[in-house]
């Protein structure tokens, strides 16, 4: 599902010192989004590698440039947020993937996607499926998002209503399905108004 932390996890992987050293800092990040177009994707990779391109470059020219650019590199290519659109051009994906296989041994492609169909297309290995946060961790995170600060517990004005707000918050929690993004988004909305009536309105809302 969206907002569960796929992109955040990929970012953490890329920032890890061991990972950076393994790939000699040759880490390429491309946001694919909902429009998969092989020429555009190839151009983005080549630009990240510092290759100068011409507007008139054909797909064949781009693939030759890509093959020559990666053959001396051990790289990590992150293709973030790939949608089902890639399924319309499986041939294009396989050409792109085959060209990247000219990289040095140890090169890798990391794809983030919401789609199991995309995961099965781009890799023969089992995908790593992110779940929502566990209940106790999610509750702690939600409280950080929904209350003005941890110090609000010492606020005399908050002291008498906080238990009721926490009760409502716990009732809201199952609707968020462990999604950190949902907790942050709704937490901001709740934090803007700490009246019990406001929180109850959000609890009843189907939004």
N, C-alpha and C. Protein backbone atom coordinates (compact mmCIF):
# COMPACT_ATOMS: atom_id res chain seq x y z
N UNK A 1 0.84 -1.19 0.00
CA UNK A 1 0.00 0.00 0.00
C UNK A 1 0.88 1.25 0.00
N UNK A 2 0.29 2.38 -0.37
CA UNK A 2 1.04 3.62 -0.38
C UNK A 2 1.33 4.10 1.03
N UNK A 3 2.49 4.73 1.18
CA UNK A 3 2.83 5.34 2.46
C UNK A 3 3.35 4.40 3.52
N UNK A 4 3.64 3.15 3.15
CA UNK A 4 4.09 2.19 4.15
C UNK A 4 5.59 2.30 4.40
N UNK A 5 6.31 2.97 3.49
CA UNK A 5 7.73 3.21 3.73
C UNK A 5 8.69 2.60 2.72
N UNK A 6 8.19 2.27 1.52
CA UNK A 6 9.04 1.63 0.50
C UNK A 6 10.17 2.56 0.08
N UNK A 7 9.83 3.79 -0.25
CA UNK A 7 10.84 4.76 -0.68
C UNK A 7 11.79 5.10 0.46
N UNK A 8 11.25 5.25 1.66
CA UNK A 8 12.09 5.55 2.82
C UNK A 8 13.11 4.45 3.07
N UNK A 9 12.66 3.20 2.96
CA UNK A 9 13.60 2.09 3.16
C UNK A 9 14.68 2.09 2.08
N UNK A 10 14.29 2.34 0.83
CA UNK A 10 15.27 2.39 -0.26
C UNK A 10 16.29 3.51 -0.01
N UNK A 11 15.83 4.65 0.49
CA UNK A 11 16.73 5.76 0.80
C UNK A 11 17.72 5.36 1.90
N UNK A 12 17.22 4.67 2.92
CA UNK A 12 18.09 4.23 4.00
C UNK A 12 19.16 3.26 3.49
N UNK A 13 18.78 2.39 2.58
CA UNK A 13 19.73 1.45 1.99
C UNK A 13 20.83 2.23 1.26
N UNK A 14 20.42 3.21 0.47
CA UNK A 14 21.38 3.98 -0.33
C UNK A 14 22.33 4.81 0.54
N UNK A 15 21.87 5.21 1.72
CA UNK A 15 22.69 6.04 2.59
C UNK A 15 23.61 5.22 3.49
N UNK A 16 23.44 3.91 3.50
CA UNK A 16 24.26 3.05 4.35
C UNK A 16 25.71 3.04 3.86
N UNK A 17 26.64 3.20 4.79
CA UNK A 17 28.06 3.28 4.43
C UNK A 17 28.58 2.03 3.75
N UNK A 18 28.16 0.87 4.22
CA UNK A 18 28.61 -0.39 3.63
C UNK A 18 28.13 -0.50 2.18
N UNK A 19 26.89 -0.10 1.96
CA UNK A 19 26.32 -0.13 0.60
C UNK A 19 27.09 0.83 -0.31
N UNK A 20 27.32 2.05 0.17
CA UNK A 20 28.02 3.05 -0.65
C UNK A 20 29.43 2.57 -1.01
N UNK A 21 30.09 1.96 -0.06
CA UNK A 21 31.44 1.47 -0.33
C UNK A 21 31.42 0.32 -1.34
N UNK A 22 30.42 -0.55 -1.20
CA UNK A 22 30.33 -1.70 -2.10
C UNK A 22 30.19 -1.24 -3.55
N UNK A 23 29.41 -0.18 -3.77
CA UNK A 23 29.17 0.30 -5.14
C UNK A 23 30.06 1.49 -5.50
N UNK A 24 31.07 1.75 -4.68
CA UNK A 24 31.99 2.87 -4.94
C UNK A 24 31.23 4.17 -5.18
N UNK A 25 30.16 4.36 -4.41
CA UNK A 25 29.29 5.54 -4.50
C UNK A 25 28.61 5.71 -5.86
N UNK A 26 28.59 4.64 -6.67
CA UNK A 26 27.88 4.71 -7.95
C UNK A 26 26.44 4.24 -7.74
N UNK A 27 25.65 5.13 -7.14
CA UNK A 27 24.25 4.84 -6.84
C UNK A 27 23.38 5.80 -7.65
N UNK A 28 22.49 5.26 -8.45
CA UNK A 28 21.65 6.05 -9.35
C UNK A 28 20.21 5.90 -8.89
N UNK A 29 19.55 7.04 -8.70
CA UNK A 29 18.16 7.03 -8.22
C UNK A 29 17.26 7.62 -9.31
N UNK A 30 16.29 6.83 -9.77
CA UNK A 30 15.34 7.28 -10.78
C UNK A 30 13.92 7.09 -10.25
N UNK A 31 13.13 8.15 -10.28
CA UNK A 31 11.72 8.04 -9.91
C UNK A 31 10.92 7.71 -11.17
N UNK A 32 10.40 6.49 -11.23
CA UNK A 32 9.72 6.01 -12.43
C UNK A 32 8.29 6.53 -12.48
N UNK A 33 7.57 6.42 -11.38
CA UNK A 33 6.18 6.85 -11.25
C UNK A 33 5.28 6.07 -12.21
N UNK A 34 4.16 6.68 -12.61
CA UNK A 34 3.13 5.91 -13.30
C UNK A 34 3.30 5.87 -14.81
N UNK A 35 4.37 6.49 -15.34
CA UNK A 35 4.58 6.47 -16.80
C UNK A 35 5.92 5.80 -17.10
N UNK A 36 5.87 4.55 -17.51
CA UNK A 36 7.09 3.83 -17.85
C UNK A 36 7.39 4.02 -19.33
N UNK A 37 8.52 4.67 -19.61
CA UNK A 37 8.93 4.91 -20.99
C UNK A 37 10.42 4.65 -21.07
N UNK A 38 10.82 3.64 -21.83
CA UNK A 38 12.19 3.15 -21.80
C UNK A 38 13.20 4.22 -22.20
N UNK A 39 12.90 4.98 -23.25
CA UNK A 39 13.86 6.00 -23.69
C UNK A 39 14.08 7.05 -22.60
N UNK A 40 12.99 7.48 -21.98
CA UNK A 40 13.12 8.47 -20.90
C UNK A 40 13.91 7.92 -19.74
N UNK A 41 13.62 6.67 -19.38
CA UNK A 41 14.32 6.03 -18.28
C UNK A 41 15.81 5.90 -18.58
N UNK A 42 16.13 5.49 -19.79
CA UNK A 42 17.53 5.34 -20.19
C UNK A 42 18.25 6.67 -20.18
N UNK A 43 17.57 7.71 -20.68
CA UNK A 43 18.17 9.05 -20.66
C UNK A 43 18.46 9.51 -19.23
N UNK A 44 17.53 9.24 -18.33
CA UNK A 44 17.73 9.65 -16.94
C UNK A 44 18.94 8.94 -16.32
N UNK A 45 19.09 7.65 -16.62
CA UNK A 45 20.24 6.91 -16.10
C UNK A 45 21.53 7.47 -16.68
N UNK A 46 21.55 7.70 -17.98
CA UNK A 46 22.76 8.20 -18.63
C UNK A 46 23.14 9.59 -18.11
N UNK A 47 22.15 10.44 -17.90
CA UNK A 47 22.42 11.77 -17.34
C UNK A 47 23.02 11.66 -15.95
N UNK A 48 22.53 10.71 -15.15
CA UNK A 48 23.07 10.49 -13.81
C UNK A 48 24.52 10.03 -13.87
N UNK A 49 24.88 9.37 -14.96
CA UNK A 49 26.25 8.90 -15.15
C UNK A 49 27.13 9.93 -15.85
N UNK A 50 26.56 11.11 -16.13
CA UNK A 50 27.35 12.19 -16.72
C UNK A 50 27.53 12.10 -18.21
N UNK A 51 26.67 11.34 -18.88
CA UNK A 51 26.78 11.18 -20.33
C UNK A 51 26.01 12.30 -21.04
N UNK A 52 26.65 12.94 -22.02
CA UNK A 52 25.99 13.99 -22.79
C UNK A 52 25.17 13.34 -23.90
N UNK A 53 23.94 13.80 -24.06
CA UNK A 53 23.02 13.20 -25.02
C UNK A 53 22.53 14.21 -26.04
N UNK A 54 22.05 13.67 -27.15
CA UNK A 54 21.44 14.49 -28.19
C UNK A 54 19.94 14.21 -28.21
N UNK A 55 19.14 15.23 -28.49
CA UNK A 55 17.69 15.04 -28.56
C UNK A 55 17.32 14.01 -29.62
N UNK A 56 18.16 13.88 -30.64
CA UNK A 56 17.85 13.00 -31.76
C UNK A 56 18.26 11.54 -31.52
N UNK A 57 18.85 11.24 -30.36
CA UNK A 57 19.31 9.89 -30.08
C UNK A 57 18.15 8.89 -30.13
N UNK A 58 18.33 7.82 -30.90
CA UNK A 58 17.32 6.78 -31.00
C UNK A 58 17.47 5.80 -29.83
N UNK A 59 16.52 4.89 -29.70
CA UNK A 59 16.61 3.90 -28.63
C UNK A 59 17.88 3.07 -28.79
N UNK A 60 18.20 2.69 -30.04
CA UNK A 60 19.42 1.89 -30.25
C UNK A 60 20.66 2.64 -29.79
N UNK A 61 20.72 3.93 -30.11
CA UNK A 61 21.87 4.75 -29.70
C UNK A 61 21.93 4.85 -28.18
N UNK A 62 20.78 5.05 -27.56
CA UNK A 62 20.74 5.15 -26.11
C UNK A 62 21.21 3.85 -25.45
N UNK A 63 20.80 2.72 -26.01
CA UNK A 63 21.19 1.44 -25.42
C UNK A 63 22.68 1.18 -25.58
N UNK A 64 23.25 1.59 -26.71
CA UNK A 64 24.70 1.46 -26.90
C UNK A 64 25.43 2.33 -25.87
N UNK A 65 24.96 3.56 -25.70
CA UNK A 65 25.57 4.45 -24.70
C UNK A 65 25.46 3.86 -23.30
N UNK A 66 24.30 3.28 -23.00
CA UNK A 66 24.09 2.70 -21.68
C UNK A 66 25.01 1.51 -21.46
N UNK A 67 25.10 0.65 -22.44
CA UNK A 67 25.99 -0.53 -22.35
C UNK A 67 27.44 -0.09 -22.11
N UNK A 68 27.89 0.89 -22.86
CA UNK A 68 29.28 1.35 -22.73
C UNK A 68 29.52 2.08 -21.41
N UNK A 69 28.48 2.72 -20.89
CA UNK A 69 28.64 3.53 -19.67
C UNK A 69 28.70 2.66 -18.41
N UNK A 70 28.05 1.50 -18.45
CA UNK A 70 27.99 0.68 -17.23
C UNK A 70 29.02 -0.46 -17.22
N UNK A 71 29.67 -0.72 -18.35
CA UNK A 71 30.50 -1.92 -18.43
C UNK A 71 31.73 -1.86 -17.54
N UNK A 72 32.11 -0.66 -17.10
CA UNK A 72 33.27 -0.55 -16.21
C UNK A 72 32.86 -0.16 -14.79
N UNK A 73 31.55 -0.28 -14.49
CA UNK A 73 31.04 0.19 -13.20
C UNK A 73 30.30 -0.91 -12.45
N UNK A 74 30.45 -0.87 -11.14
CA UNK A 74 29.60 -1.68 -10.26
C UNK A 74 28.60 -0.70 -9.64
N UNK A 75 27.36 -0.80 -10.04
CA UNK A 75 26.38 0.22 -9.71
C UNK A 75 25.19 -0.35 -8.96
N UNK A 76 24.50 0.53 -8.26
CA UNK A 76 23.18 0.25 -7.71
C UNK A 76 22.21 1.22 -8.37
N UNK A 77 21.26 0.68 -9.11
CA UNK A 77 20.23 1.49 -9.75
C UNK A 77 18.92 1.30 -8.98
N UNK A 78 18.40 2.39 -8.44
CA UNK A 78 17.11 2.35 -7.74
C UNK A 78 16.03 2.89 -8.67
N UNK A 79 15.04 2.07 -8.95
CA UNK A 79 13.88 2.48 -9.74
C UNK A 79 12.71 2.57 -8.77
N UNK A 80 12.43 3.80 -8.37
CA UNK A 80 11.46 4.02 -7.29
C UNK A 80 10.06 4.23 -7.84
N UNK A 81 9.10 3.56 -7.21
CA UNK A 81 7.69 3.75 -7.49
C UNK A 81 7.32 3.35 -8.92
N UNK A 82 7.60 2.11 -9.26
CA UNK A 82 7.26 1.59 -10.59
C UNK A 82 5.83 1.05 -10.57
N UNK A 83 5.04 1.51 -11.51
CA UNK A 83 3.63 1.13 -11.58
C UNK A 83 3.39 0.09 -12.67
N UNK A 84 2.15 -0.35 -12.79
CA UNK A 84 1.79 -1.40 -13.74
C UNK A 84 2.00 -0.99 -15.19
N UNK A 85 2.26 0.28 -15.44
CA UNK A 85 2.47 0.75 -16.81
C UNK A 85 3.59 -0.02 -17.51
N UNK A 86 4.56 -0.49 -16.72
CA UNK A 86 5.68 -1.24 -17.30
C UNK A 86 5.20 -2.53 -17.97
N UNK A 87 4.06 -3.05 -17.54
CA UNK A 87 3.54 -4.30 -18.09
C UNK A 87 3.10 -4.13 -19.55
N UNK A 88 2.88 -2.89 -19.98
CA UNK A 88 2.49 -2.62 -21.36
C UNK A 88 3.69 -2.68 -22.31
N UNK A 89 4.89 -2.63 -21.74
CA UNK A 89 6.09 -2.64 -22.58
C UNK A 89 7.13 -3.59 -21.98
N UNK A 90 6.74 -4.86 -21.85
CA UNK A 90 7.66 -5.84 -21.28
C UNK A 90 8.91 -5.99 -22.14
N UNK A 91 8.76 -5.88 -23.46
CA UNK A 91 9.91 -5.99 -24.36
C UNK A 91 10.91 -4.87 -24.08
N UNK A 92 10.39 -3.65 -23.90
CA UNK A 92 11.25 -2.52 -23.60
C UNK A 92 11.98 -2.71 -22.28
N UNK A 93 11.26 -3.22 -21.27
CA UNK A 93 11.90 -3.47 -19.98
C UNK A 93 13.01 -4.49 -20.12
N UNK A 94 12.78 -5.57 -20.87
CA UNK A 94 13.78 -6.62 -20.99
C UNK A 94 15.01 -6.11 -21.75
N UNK A 95 14.81 -5.24 -22.73
CA UNK A 95 15.95 -4.64 -23.44
C UNK A 95 16.77 -3.77 -22.49
N UNK A 96 16.09 -2.96 -21.73
CA UNK A 96 16.75 -2.09 -20.74
C UNK A 96 17.51 -2.93 -19.71
N UNK A 97 16.86 -3.95 -19.19
CA UNK A 97 17.45 -4.81 -18.17
C UNK A 97 18.66 -5.57 -18.73
N UNK A 98 18.52 -6.08 -19.95
CA UNK A 98 19.61 -6.85 -20.57
C UNK A 98 20.83 -5.96 -20.80
N UNK A 99 20.59 -4.71 -21.18
CA UNK A 99 21.70 -3.78 -21.41
C UNK A 99 22.43 -3.48 -20.11
N UNK A 100 21.69 -3.34 -19.03
CA UNK A 100 22.31 -3.06 -17.73
C UNK A 100 23.13 -4.24 -17.21
N UNK A 101 22.86 -5.43 -17.73
CA UNK A 101 23.60 -6.62 -17.27
C UNK A 101 25.07 -6.57 -17.68
N UNK A 102 25.44 -5.57 -18.49
CA UNK A 102 26.84 -5.40 -18.87
C UNK A 102 27.67 -4.74 -17.77
N UNK A 103 27.03 -4.32 -16.70
CA UNK A 103 27.77 -3.75 -15.57
C UNK A 103 28.65 -4.78 -14.91
N UNK A 104 29.57 -4.32 -14.07
CA UNK A 104 30.47 -5.23 -13.38
C UNK A 104 29.70 -6.16 -12.45
N UNK A 105 30.29 -7.32 -12.18
CA UNK A 105 29.67 -8.27 -11.27
C UNK A 105 29.42 -7.62 -9.91
N UNK A 106 28.25 -7.84 -9.36
CA UNK A 106 27.88 -7.22 -8.10
C UNK A 106 26.96 -6.03 -8.27
N UNK A 107 26.76 -5.60 -9.53
CA UNK A 107 25.80 -4.51 -9.79
C UNK A 107 24.38 -5.01 -9.48
N UNK A 108 23.54 -4.09 -9.07
CA UNK A 108 22.18 -4.48 -8.67
C UNK A 108 21.15 -3.43 -9.08
N UNK A 109 19.92 -3.90 -9.23
CA UNK A 109 18.78 -3.01 -9.44
C UNK A 109 17.81 -3.23 -8.30
N UNK A 110 17.38 -2.14 -7.68
CA UNK A 110 16.39 -2.19 -6.61
C UNK A 110 15.13 -1.47 -7.09
N UNK A 111 14.02 -2.19 -7.09
CA UNK A 111 12.75 -1.63 -7.56
C UNK A 111 11.79 -1.52 -6.39
N UNK A 112 11.16 -0.37 -6.23
CA UNK A 112 10.05 -0.27 -5.28
C UNK A 112 8.74 -0.17 -6.08
N UNK A 113 7.74 -0.89 -5.62
CA UNK A 113 6.46 -0.92 -6.34
C UNK A 113 5.35 -1.35 -5.39
N UNK A 114 4.14 -0.97 -5.71
CA UNK A 114 2.97 -1.46 -4.98
C UNK A 114 2.43 -2.74 -5.60
N UNK A 115 2.93 -3.08 -6.80
CA UNK A 115 2.31 -4.12 -7.60
C UNK A 115 3.10 -5.43 -7.55
N UNK A 116 2.42 -6.52 -7.20
CA UNK A 116 3.06 -7.83 -7.23
C UNK A 116 3.36 -8.26 -8.66
N UNK A 117 2.56 -7.81 -9.62
CA UNK A 117 2.80 -8.14 -11.03
C UNK A 117 4.11 -7.51 -11.51
N UNK A 118 4.35 -6.28 -11.10
CA UNK A 118 5.61 -5.62 -11.46
C UNK A 118 6.78 -6.34 -10.80
N UNK A 119 6.62 -6.70 -9.53
CA UNK A 119 7.69 -7.40 -8.82
C UNK A 119 8.04 -8.71 -9.52
N UNK A 120 7.04 -9.43 -9.99
CA UNK A 120 7.29 -10.69 -10.67
C UNK A 120 7.94 -10.50 -12.04
N UNK A 121 7.65 -9.37 -12.69
CA UNK A 121 8.26 -9.09 -14.00
C UNK A 121 9.73 -8.75 -13.87
N UNK A 122 10.07 -7.92 -12.91
CA UNK A 122 11.43 -7.37 -12.86
C UNK A 122 12.42 -8.29 -12.16
N UNK A 123 11.95 -9.32 -11.48
CA UNK A 123 12.89 -10.17 -10.74
C UNK A 123 12.36 -11.58 -10.59
N UNK A 124 13.29 -12.53 -10.61
CA UNK A 124 12.92 -13.92 -10.34
C UNK A 124 12.97 -14.24 -8.85
N UNK A 125 13.57 -13.36 -8.06
CA UNK A 125 13.67 -13.59 -6.62
C UNK A 125 12.38 -13.13 -5.93
N UNK A 126 12.16 -13.62 -4.73
CA UNK A 126 10.96 -13.24 -3.98
C UNK A 126 11.04 -11.78 -3.57
N UNK A 127 9.98 -11.02 -3.75
CA UNK A 127 9.99 -9.62 -3.31
C UNK A 127 9.96 -9.52 -1.79
N UNK A 128 10.49 -8.42 -1.28
CA UNK A 128 10.41 -8.14 0.15
C UNK A 128 9.21 -7.23 0.35
N UNK A 129 8.17 -7.78 0.97
CA UNK A 129 6.91 -7.03 1.13
C UNK A 129 6.89 -6.31 2.47
N UNK A 130 6.77 -5.00 2.40
CA UNK A 130 6.70 -4.21 3.63
C UNK A 130 5.29 -4.27 4.20
N UNK A 131 5.21 -4.50 5.49
CA UNK A 131 3.93 -4.47 6.19
C UNK A 131 3.81 -3.14 6.94
N UNK A 132 2.62 -2.87 7.47
CA UNK A 132 2.47 -1.70 8.33
C UNK A 132 3.23 -1.89 9.63
N UNK A 133 3.45 -0.80 10.34
CA UNK A 133 4.16 -0.86 11.62
C UNK A 133 3.37 -1.71 12.63
N UNK A 134 4.09 -2.38 13.50
CA UNK A 134 3.45 -3.17 14.55
C UNK A 134 2.70 -2.24 15.50
N UNK A 135 1.66 -2.77 16.15
CA UNK A 135 0.72 -1.94 16.91
C UNK A 135 1.39 -1.06 17.96
N UNK A 136 2.30 -1.62 18.76
CA UNK A 136 2.88 -0.82 19.83
C UNK A 136 3.80 0.27 19.28
N UNK A 137 4.57 -0.06 18.25
CA UNK A 137 5.44 0.94 17.62
C UNK A 137 4.59 2.00 16.93
N UNK A 138 3.53 1.54 16.26
CA UNK A 138 2.67 2.47 15.53
C UNK A 138 1.98 3.45 16.49
N UNK A 139 1.55 2.97 17.64
CA UNK A 139 0.90 3.83 18.63
C UNK A 139 1.88 4.90 19.12
N UNK A 140 3.10 4.52 19.42
CA UNK A 140 4.11 5.50 19.86
C UNK A 140 4.35 6.55 18.78
N UNK A 141 4.45 6.10 17.52
CA UNK A 141 4.69 7.02 16.41
C UNK A 141 3.49 7.95 16.22
N UNK A 142 2.30 7.38 16.31
CA UNK A 142 1.08 8.18 16.14
C UNK A 142 0.99 9.28 17.21
N UNK A 143 1.35 8.95 18.45
CA UNK A 143 1.32 9.95 19.52
C UNK A 143 2.27 11.10 19.24
N UNK A 144 3.45 10.78 18.72
CA UNK A 144 4.41 11.84 18.37
C UNK A 144 3.84 12.76 17.30
N UNK A 145 3.07 12.18 16.38
CA UNK A 145 2.51 12.98 15.29
C UNK A 145 1.29 13.79 15.72
N UNK A 146 0.51 13.26 16.66
CA UNK A 146 -0.80 13.83 16.97
C UNK A 146 -0.79 14.83 18.12
N UNK A 147 0.19 14.75 19.01
CA UNK A 147 0.25 15.68 20.13
C UNK A 147 1.34 16.71 19.90
N UNK A 148 1.14 17.88 20.44
CA UNK A 148 2.05 18.99 20.15
C UNK A 148 3.48 18.67 20.55
N UNK A 149 3.64 17.98 21.65
CA UNK A 149 4.97 17.57 22.11
C UNK A 149 4.78 16.60 23.26
N UNK A 150 5.85 15.89 23.57
CA UNK A 150 5.78 15.00 24.74
C UNK A 150 5.54 15.79 26.02
N UNK A 151 5.92 17.07 25.97
CA UNK A 151 5.76 17.90 27.15
C UNK A 151 4.34 18.32 27.42
N UNK A 152 3.44 18.08 26.43
CA UNK A 152 2.05 18.49 26.62
C UNK A 152 1.38 17.73 27.76
N UNK A 153 1.99 16.58 28.15
CA UNK A 153 1.44 15.86 29.29
C UNK A 153 1.56 16.70 30.56
N UNK A 154 2.53 17.62 30.61
CA UNK A 154 2.71 18.47 31.78
C UNK A 154 1.95 19.78 31.67
N UNK A 155 1.25 19.96 30.58
CA UNK A 155 0.46 21.16 30.37
C UNK A 155 -0.84 21.01 31.16
N UNK A 156 -1.11 21.91 32.13
CA UNK A 156 -2.32 21.77 32.96
C UNK A 156 -3.59 21.72 32.12
N UNK A 157 -3.61 22.49 31.03
CA UNK A 157 -4.80 22.51 30.18
C UNK A 157 -5.02 21.16 29.49
N UNK A 158 -3.90 20.47 29.21
CA UNK A 158 -3.99 19.18 28.53
C UNK A 158 -4.24 18.02 29.48
N UNK A 159 -3.86 18.22 30.74
CA UNK A 159 -3.82 17.10 31.69
C UNK A 159 -5.15 16.37 31.78
N UNK A 160 -6.25 17.10 31.80
CA UNK A 160 -7.54 16.46 32.03
C UNK A 160 -8.17 15.91 30.75
N UNK A 161 -7.72 16.38 29.57
CA UNK A 161 -8.34 15.87 28.33
C UNK A 161 -7.48 14.85 27.61
N UNK A 162 -6.21 14.76 27.99
CA UNK A 162 -5.32 13.85 27.25
C UNK A 162 -5.80 12.39 27.30
N UNK A 163 -6.23 11.87 28.47
CA UNK A 163 -6.69 10.47 28.46
C UNK A 163 -7.82 10.23 27.47
N UNK A 164 -8.72 11.21 27.34
CA UNK A 164 -9.83 11.06 26.40
C UNK A 164 -9.34 11.13 24.95
N UNK A 165 -8.37 12.04 24.70
CA UNK A 165 -7.80 12.11 23.35
C UNK A 165 -7.07 10.82 22.99
N UNK A 166 -6.37 10.24 23.97
CA UNK A 166 -5.67 8.99 23.70
C UNK A 166 -6.67 7.86 23.42
N UNK A 167 -7.80 7.87 24.13
CA UNK A 167 -8.84 6.86 23.87
C UNK A 167 -9.33 6.98 22.44
N UNK A 168 -9.60 8.21 22.00
CA UNK A 168 -10.07 8.43 20.63
C UNK A 168 -8.98 8.05 19.63
N UNK A 169 -7.74 8.43 19.96
CA UNK A 169 -6.62 8.09 19.08
C UNK A 169 -6.48 6.59 18.87
N UNK A 170 -6.62 5.83 19.95
CA UNK A 170 -6.53 4.37 19.83
C UNK A 170 -7.67 3.81 18.97
N UNK A 171 -8.83 4.47 18.99
CA UNK A 171 -9.96 4.03 18.17
C UNK A 171 -9.72 4.37 16.69
N UNK A 172 -8.98 5.46 16.44
CA UNK A 172 -8.67 5.85 15.06
C UNK A 172 -7.62 4.91 14.45
N UNK A 173 -6.71 4.42 15.27
CA UNK A 173 -5.52 3.72 14.81
C UNK A 173 -5.80 2.57 13.83
N UNK A 174 -6.77 1.69 14.09
CA UNK A 174 -6.98 0.56 13.16
C UNK A 174 -7.30 1.00 11.73
N UNK A 175 -7.89 2.18 11.57
CA UNK A 175 -8.23 2.66 10.23
C UNK A 175 -6.99 2.97 9.41
N UNK A 176 -5.86 3.22 10.08
CA UNK A 176 -4.64 3.66 9.39
C UNK A 176 -3.79 2.49 8.92
N UNK A 177 -4.11 1.29 9.35
CA UNK A 177 -3.47 0.06 8.87
C UNK A 177 -1.95 0.09 8.96
N UNK A 178 -1.44 0.73 9.99
CA UNK A 178 0.00 0.71 10.22
C UNK A 178 0.81 1.59 9.29
N UNK A 179 0.16 2.45 8.52
CA UNK A 179 0.87 3.28 7.54
C UNK A 179 1.49 4.51 8.21
N UNK A 180 2.82 4.66 8.17
CA UNK A 180 3.46 5.85 8.75
C UNK A 180 2.98 7.14 8.09
N UNK A 181 2.79 7.11 6.75
CA UNK A 181 2.34 8.32 6.06
C UNK A 181 0.95 8.72 6.52
N UNK A 182 0.07 7.74 6.70
CA UNK A 182 -1.28 8.05 7.19
C UNK A 182 -1.22 8.64 8.59
N UNK A 183 -0.34 8.09 9.44
CA UNK A 183 -0.21 8.61 10.80
C UNK A 183 0.30 10.05 10.79
N UNK A 184 1.26 10.35 9.93
CA UNK A 184 1.79 11.71 9.86
C UNK A 184 0.74 12.69 9.34
N UNK A 185 0.02 12.26 8.29
CA UNK A 185 -0.98 13.14 7.68
C UNK A 185 -2.12 13.42 8.65
N UNK A 186 -2.67 12.36 9.24
CA UNK A 186 -3.79 12.53 10.17
C UNK A 186 -3.32 13.17 11.47
N UNK A 187 -2.09 12.84 11.87
CA UNK A 187 -1.55 13.44 13.10
C UNK A 187 -1.49 14.94 13.02
N UNK A 188 -1.08 15.46 11.86
CA UNK A 188 -1.04 16.93 11.68
C UNK A 188 -2.43 17.53 11.79
N UNK A 189 -3.40 16.82 11.23
CA UNK A 189 -4.78 17.31 11.28
C UNK A 189 -5.30 17.32 12.72
N UNK A 190 -4.99 16.29 13.47
CA UNK A 190 -5.42 16.21 14.86
C UNK A 190 -4.69 17.23 15.72
N UNK A 191 -3.40 17.39 15.48
CA UNK A 191 -2.59 18.28 16.30
C UNK A 191 -3.00 19.74 16.14
N UNK A 192 -3.62 20.06 15.00
CA UNK A 192 -4.03 21.46 14.76
C UNK A 192 -5.17 21.88 15.67
N UNK A 193 -5.85 20.90 16.26
CA UNK A 193 -6.99 21.23 17.11
C UNK A 193 -7.15 20.10 18.14
N UNK A 194 -6.80 20.39 19.39
CA UNK A 194 -6.82 19.36 20.43
C UNK A 194 -8.13 19.33 21.20
N UNK A 195 -9.21 19.82 20.59
CA UNK A 195 -10.52 19.70 21.22
C UNK A 195 -11.06 18.29 21.00
N UNK A 196 -11.70 17.76 22.03
CA UNK A 196 -12.26 16.40 21.96
C UNK A 196 -13.26 16.29 20.81
N UNK A 197 -14.07 17.35 20.60
CA UNK A 197 -15.09 17.31 19.54
C UNK A 197 -14.44 17.14 18.17
N UNK A 198 -13.31 17.83 17.97
CA UNK A 198 -12.60 17.73 16.68
C UNK A 198 -12.10 16.31 16.45
N UNK A 199 -11.53 15.72 17.48
CA UNK A 199 -11.00 14.37 17.35
C UNK A 199 -12.12 13.36 17.12
N UNK A 200 -13.26 13.56 17.76
CA UNK A 200 -14.40 12.66 17.56
C UNK A 200 -14.95 12.78 16.14
N UNK A 201 -14.95 14.00 15.60
CA UNK A 201 -15.39 14.20 14.22
C UNK A 201 -14.51 13.39 13.26
N UNK A 202 -13.19 13.41 13.50
CA UNK A 202 -12.26 12.67 12.64
C UNK A 202 -12.45 11.17 12.82
N UNK A 203 -12.72 10.75 14.03
CA UNK A 203 -12.96 9.32 14.28
C UNK A 203 -14.18 8.83 13.50
N UNK A 204 -15.21 9.66 13.44
CA UNK A 204 -16.45 9.26 12.74
C UNK A 204 -16.32 9.40 11.23
N UNK A 205 -15.35 10.20 10.77
CA UNK A 205 -15.21 10.46 9.35
C UNK A 205 -14.77 9.21 8.59
N UNK A 206 -15.29 9.02 7.41
CA UNK A 206 -14.88 7.91 6.54
C UNK A 206 -13.79 8.32 5.57
N UNK A 207 -13.33 9.56 5.66
CA UNK A 207 -12.34 10.08 4.72
C UNK A 207 -11.07 9.26 4.74
